[in-house]
């Protein structure tokens, strides 16, 4: 393996672990780059949910070293959507990305705050693959070649990075409730394994220590236990009483609704995509 090759591939997909899809992609990587380490970030992205995959990559990337990020959440496989590879780098770090040009990769790549170079992937030489499995037939071979130290131009033709497909991931916004209280509306971006509800919002010094949860008027009936519920903002789970609902800043720096030793998703009866208001307390 050439000196300086990014000899690690970080693999994320919506393939799940019941079928052989993720394993077959790993087998292709092993065959083409036997000395490269493959780290599975997750294969449990909800099927076809490009935005969920993009958020997962955003959460993971700050903790990855140099290497190739192979992301496959690809409802457009077999269509005219491009396959792409990107190099994101500065004087200290270089990371590469391989996957579909559907918005999956770009949020994580841009979060690194460095120059992006991009290519449209060429079909690998040899027999044509199936039109339904680009993870195996297109993306894995490109990721393997790049992990072995090949330049970006070996896997594709240069394209303008500004032409890459961009997702509009919702963030929080402020408004005023009918009773005059300020409220910060946040979408639930992620429900983790423990039922914690990560919100699309970063903490603010203006956030009070105790808040009321609100529900958008145009969303119909409030979910159980949400309307006018008082919730403490705490630093860690241990500051909550058992089964108490609270607001914390989670490990990714986002606000999250959590229950100590329980599931906020089950308690509130809401999930990804729901909108919750963090409001001032009634006077």
Protein backbone atom coordinates (compact mmCIF):
# COMPACT_ATOMS: atom_id res chain seq x y z
CA UNK A 1 0.00 0.00 0.00
CA UNK A 2 1.48 3.40 -0.96
CA UNK A 3 2.77 5.56 1.87
CA UNK A 4 0.15 8.08 2.93
CA UNK A 5 -2.78 6.09 1.52
CA UNK A 6 -5.98 6.68 3.54
CA UNK A 7 -6.17 3.01 4.47
CA UNK A 8 -9.57 3.11 6.22
CA UNK A 9 -13.08 3.03 4.77
CA UNK A 10 -15.98 4.24 6.93
CA UNK A 11 -19.13 2.54 5.61
CA UNK A 12 -22.72 3.74 6.17
CA UNK A 13 -25.86 2.50 4.43
CA UNK A 14 -29.56 1.72 4.72
CA UNK A 15 -28.96 -1.93 3.81
CA UNK A 16 -29.74 -3.27 7.27
CA UNK A 17 -28.11 -6.40 8.64
CA UNK A 18 -30.77 -9.02 7.85
CA UNK A 19 -29.83 -9.43 4.19
CA UNK A 20 -26.42 -9.93 2.63
CA UNK A 21 -26.14 -6.49 0.96
CA UNK A 22 -23.77 -4.82 3.44
CA UNK A 23 -21.71 -8.00 3.72
CA UNK A 24 -21.34 -8.28 -0.04
CA UNK A 25 -20.09 -4.69 -0.27
CA UNK A 26 -17.57 -5.42 2.49
CA UNK A 27 -16.49 -8.54 0.57
CA UNK A 28 -15.86 -6.46 -2.57
CA UNK A 29 -13.80 -4.00 -0.55
CA UNK A 30 -11.81 -6.88 0.94
CA UNK A 31 -11.16 -8.40 -2.49
CA UNK A 32 -10.05 -5.13 -4.07
CA UNK A 33 -8.19 -3.68 -1.08
CA UNK A 34 -7.34 -6.53 1.30
CA UNK A 35 -5.13 -4.42 3.60
CA UNK A 36 -7.70 -1.67 4.09
CA UNK A 37 -9.68 -1.50 7.34
CA UNK A 38 -13.45 -1.20 6.94
CA UNK A 39 -15.35 0.40 9.85
CA UNK A 40 -19.14 0.05 9.79
CA UNK A 41 -20.71 3.27 11.03
CA UNK A 42 -24.24 1.91 10.69
CA UNK A 43 -26.41 0.03 8.21
CA UNK A 44 -29.64 0.85 10.02
CA UNK A 45 -30.47 4.17 8.35
CA UNK A 46 -34.23 4.01 7.65
CA UNK A 47 -34.69 2.72 4.08
CA UNK A 48 -34.45 5.45 1.45
CA UNK A 49 -34.13 8.22 4.08
CA UNK A 50 -31.34 10.31 2.56
CA UNK A 51 -31.73 13.08 5.15
CA UNK A 52 -31.34 10.63 8.05
CA UNK A 53 -28.19 9.27 6.43
CA UNK A 54 -26.82 12.78 5.91
CA UNK A 55 -27.41 13.67 9.57
CA UNK A 56 -25.75 10.44 10.71
CA UNK A 57 -22.66 11.26 8.65
CA UNK A 58 -22.62 14.79 10.07
CA UNK A 59 -22.67 13.37 13.58
CA UNK A 60 -19.94 10.82 12.84
CA UNK A 61 -17.44 12.77 10.75
CA UNK A 62 -15.90 14.90 13.54
CA UNK A 63 -14.74 11.68 15.18
CA UNK A 64 -13.22 9.99 12.12
CA UNK A 65 -9.61 10.07 11.08
CA UNK A 66 -8.30 10.24 7.54
CA UNK A 67 -9.98 7.77 5.21
CA UNK A 68 -12.77 7.22 2.71
CA UNK A 69 -16.40 7.69 3.74
CA UNK A 70 -18.54 5.28 1.73
CA UNK A 71 -22.19 6.31 2.04
CA UNK A 72 -25.01 4.43 0.33
CA UNK A 73 -28.59 5.56 0.86
CA UNK A 74 -29.72 5.55 -2.72
CA UNK A 75 -33.41 5.51 -3.63
CA UNK A 76 -32.42 6.84 -7.09
CA UNK A 77 -30.23 3.86 -8.01
CA UNK A 78 -30.52 3.08 -11.71
CA UNK A 79 -31.72 6.60 -12.53
CA UNK A 80 -29.86 9.54 -14.02
CA UNK A 81 -28.51 10.60 -10.61
CA UNK A 82 -24.71 10.76 -10.58
CA UNK A 83 -22.29 8.76 -8.54
CA UNK A 84 -19.64 11.04 -7.08
CA UNK A 85 -16.38 11.08 -5.18
CA UNK A 86 -15.12 14.09 -3.25
CA UNK A 87 -11.85 15.06 -1.65
CA UNK A 88 -12.13 17.40 1.34
CA UNK A 89 -8.84 18.61 2.68
CA UNK A 90 -6.60 21.25 4.12
CA UNK A 91 -3.04 21.34 5.40
CA UNK A 92 -3.83 19.02 8.31
CA UNK A 93 -6.36 16.45 7.08
CA UNK A 94 -7.70 14.86 3.92
CA UNK A 95 -10.90 12.84 3.75
CA UNK A 96 -12.63 11.35 0.74
CA UNK A 97 -16.31 10.64 0.16
CA UNK A 98 -17.92 8.18 -2.25
CA UNK A 99 -21.62 7.67 -2.90
CA UNK A 100 -24.67 8.92 -4.77
CA UNK A 101 -25.08 12.60 -5.61
CA UNK A 102 -28.39 12.97 -3.81
CA UNK A 103 -27.41 15.17 -0.87
CA UNK A 104 -26.24 12.31 1.36
CA UNK A 105 -22.56 13.26 1.45
CA UNK A 106 -22.46 17.03 1.10
CA UNK A 107 -23.61 18.14 4.59
CA UNK A 108 -20.83 16.14 6.25
CA UNK A 109 -18.25 17.22 3.68
CA UNK A 110 -19.12 20.89 4.07
CA UNK A 111 -19.09 20.66 7.85
CA UNK A 112 -15.34 20.06 7.66
CA UNK A 113 -14.87 23.65 6.49
CA UNK A 114 -12.24 22.84 3.86
CA UNK A 115 -11.87 22.90 0.08
CA UNK A 116 -13.96 20.33 -1.81
CA UNK A 117 -12.89 18.76 -5.11
CA UNK A 118 -15.38 16.46 -6.83
CA UNK A 119 -15.60 13.99 -9.71
CA UNK A 120 -18.45 12.12 -11.33
CA UNK A 121 -17.70 8.44 -11.02
CA UNK A 122 -16.87 6.45 -14.12
CA UNK A 123 -18.27 2.94 -14.54
CA UNK A 124 -15.60 0.50 -13.35
CA UNK A 125 -13.96 -1.62 -16.06
CA UNK A 126 -15.18 -5.16 -16.67
CA UNK A 127 -18.65 -6.66 -16.89
CA UNK A 128 -21.56 -4.27 -16.33
CA UNK A 129 -23.17 -4.57 -12.93
CA UNK A 130 -26.80 -4.73 -11.94
CA UNK A 131 -28.76 -1.50 -12.22
CA UNK A 132 -29.98 -2.00 -8.64
CA UNK A 133 -26.71 -2.44 -6.71
CA UNK A 134 -24.35 0.48 -7.28
CA UNK A 135 -23.06 0.04 -3.73
CA UNK A 136 -21.41 -3.19 -4.85
CA UNK A 137 -20.70 -2.42 -8.49
CA UNK A 138 -19.76 1.28 -8.56
CA UNK A 139 -19.22 2.81 -5.13
CA UNK A 140 -17.25 -0.01 -3.47
CA UNK A 141 -14.69 -0.29 -6.30
CA UNK A 142 -14.17 3.49 -6.29
CA UNK A 143 -13.79 3.58 -2.50
CA UNK A 144 -11.27 0.72 -2.61
CA UNK A 145 -9.14 2.43 -5.28
CA UNK A 146 -9.10 5.69 -3.34
CA UNK A 147 -8.30 3.93 -0.06
CA UNK A 148 -5.24 2.46 -1.78
CA UNK A 149 -3.97 5.96 -2.48
CA UNK A 150 -5.12 6.58 -6.06
CA UNK A 151 -5.78 10.22 -7.05
CA UNK A 152 -9.37 11.39 -7.39
CA UNK A 153 -9.02 11.61 -11.17
CA UNK A 154 -8.53 7.84 -11.41
CA UNK A 155 -12.17 7.17 -10.54
CA UNK A 156 -14.02 9.97 -12.34
CA UNK A 157 -14.21 13.16 -14.36
CA UNK A 158 -13.96 16.52 -12.55
CA UNK A 159 -17.19 18.37 -11.86
CA UNK A 160 -17.99 21.72 -10.27
CA UNK A 161 -18.59 21.15 -6.53
CA UNK A 162 -21.35 23.78 -6.63
CA UNK A 163 -23.32 21.43 -8.91
CA UNK A 164 -23.61 18.76 -6.20
CA UNK A 165 -27.13 18.07 -4.97
CA UNK A 166 -27.84 19.86 -1.69
CA UNK A 167 -30.34 18.89 1.00
CA UNK A 168 -32.16 21.56 2.96
CA UNK A 169 -31.99 20.16 6.49
CA UNK A 170 -34.45 22.08 8.69
CA UNK A 171 -33.19 23.98 11.72
CA UNK A 172 -35.00 25.74 14.52
CA UNK A 173 -36.81 29.07 14.25
CA UNK A 174 -38.44 31.45 16.70
CA UNK A 175 -41.96 32.82 16.85
CA UNK A 176 -44.52 33.97 19.43
CA UNK A 177 -47.36 31.88 20.85
CA UNK A 178 -50.91 33.31 20.96
CA UNK A 179 -50.41 34.16 24.65
CA UNK A 180 -47.31 36.21 23.83
CA UNK A 181 -44.64 33.76 24.96
CA UNK A 182 -41.55 33.31 22.80
CA UNK A 183 -41.14 29.82 21.41
CA UNK A 184 -38.37 28.06 19.54
CA UNK A 185 -39.72 25.51 17.06
CA UNK A 186 -37.49 22.47 16.54
CA UNK A 187 -37.87 19.43 14.35
CA UNK A 188 -36.99 16.01 15.73
CA UNK A 189 -34.08 15.00 13.52
CA UNK A 190 -33.20 11.66 15.07
CA UNK A 191 -34.55 9.09 17.48
CA UNK A 192 -31.64 7.07 18.79
CA UNK A 193 -31.58 3.50 20.13
CA UNK A 194 -32.55 4.69 23.61
CA UNK A 195 -35.51 6.77 22.43
CA UNK A 196 -33.78 10.12 22.91
CA UNK A 197 -35.20 12.80 20.59
CA UNK A 198 -32.41 14.86 19.03
CA UNK A 199 -33.70 18.25 17.89
CA UNK A 200 -32.49 20.30 14.96
CA UNK A 201 -31.25 23.02 17.27
CA UNK A 202 -28.08 24.03 19.04
CA UNK A 203 -28.18 25.39 22.60
CA UNK A 204 -28.46 29.10 23.20
CA UNK A 205 -27.57 31.23 26.19
CA UNK A 206 -31.13 32.54 26.00
CA UNK A 207 -32.61 29.09 26.70
CA UNK A 208 -34.21 29.12 30.18
CA UNK A 209 -33.47 26.48 32.81
CA UNK A 210 -37.09 25.34 32.78
CA UNK A 211 -39.18 25.39 29.63
CA UNK A 212 -42.68 24.49 28.50
CA UNK A 213 -43.16 22.23 25.50
CA UNK A 214 -45.56 23.51 22.86
CA UNK A 215 -47.16 22.02 19.77
CA UNK A 216 -47.84 23.78 16.43
CA UNK A 217 -51.47 24.84 16.07
CA UNK A 218 -51.63 23.62 12.46
CA UNK A 219 -50.43 20.14 13.44
CA UNK A 220 -53.72 19.10 15.00
CA UNK A 221 -54.01 17.59 18.46
CA UNK A 222 -50.85 17.74 20.57
CA UNK A 223 -49.16 14.40 21.21
CA UNK A 224 -49.76 12.89 24.61
CA UNK A 225 -47.89 14.58 27.44
CA UNK A 226 -46.55 17.46 25.31
CA UNK A 227 -48.93 20.39 25.62
CA UNK A 228 -47.88 22.83 28.38
CA UNK A 229 -45.53 20.29 29.95
CA UNK A 230 -42.77 21.80 32.12
CA UNK A 231 -39.34 20.38 31.36
CA UNK A 232 -36.04 21.04 33.10
CA UNK A 233 -32.86 21.73 31.15
CA UNK A 234 -30.04 19.68 32.69
CA UNK A 235 -26.40 18.94 31.97
CA UNK A 236 -26.55 15.13 32.24
CA UNK A 237 -29.05 12.29 32.58
CA UNK A 238 -28.06 11.78 36.22
CA UNK A 239 -29.53 15.17 37.14
CA UNK A 240 -33.01 13.93 36.21
CA UNK A 241 -35.20 11.79 38.43
CA UNK A 242 -35.94 8.29 37.13
CA UNK A 243 -38.50 8.51 34.31
CA UNK A 244 -38.34 12.33 34.31
CA UNK A 245 -38.40 14.11 30.94
CA UNK A 246 -35.69 16.73 30.41
CA UNK A 247 -33.74 18.75 27.87
CA UNK A 248 -29.98 18.21 27.51
CA UNK A 249 -27.22 19.12 25.11
CA UNK A 250 -26.36 15.72 23.67
CA UNK A 251 -23.01 14.25 22.63
CA UNK A 252 -23.33 15.94 19.23
CA UNK A 253 -23.94 19.40 20.64
CA UNK A 254 -27.66 19.46 19.82
CA UNK A 255 -30.62 19.92 22.10
CA UNK A 256 -32.39 16.66 22.88
CA UNK A 257 -35.49 15.61 24.78
CA UNK A 258 -34.59 12.67 27.01
CA UNK A 259 -35.99 10.53 29.78
CA UNK A 260 -33.73 9.17 32.47
CA UNK A 261 -33.67 5.38 32.06
CA UNK A 262 -36.53 5.60 29.63
CA UNK A 263 -37.62 6.63 26.14
CA UNK A 264 -38.70 10.17 25.35
CA UNK A 265 -40.07 8.94 22.02
CA UNK A 266 -42.41 6.51 23.79
CA UNK A 267 -43.37 8.94 26.54
CA UNK A 268 -44.32 11.70 24.12
CA UNK A 269 -45.53 9.49 21.30
CA UNK A 270 -43.54 11.37 18.64
CA UNK A 271 -40.66 10.56 16.31
CA UNK A 272 -38.48 11.84 13.51
CA UNK A 273 -40.04 14.77 11.65
CA UNK A 274 -42.28 15.91 14.49
CA UNK A 275 -42.08 19.57 15.45
CA UNK A 276 -41.88 20.57 19.11
CA UNK A 277 -41.79 24.06 20.58
CA UNK A 278 -39.49 24.99 23.45
CA UNK A 279 -41.34 27.90 25.02
CA UNK A 280 -41.08 30.30 27.91
CA UNK A 281 -43.06 29.32 30.98
CA UNK A 282 -46.56 30.76 31.36
CA UNK A 283 -46.68 33.75 33.68
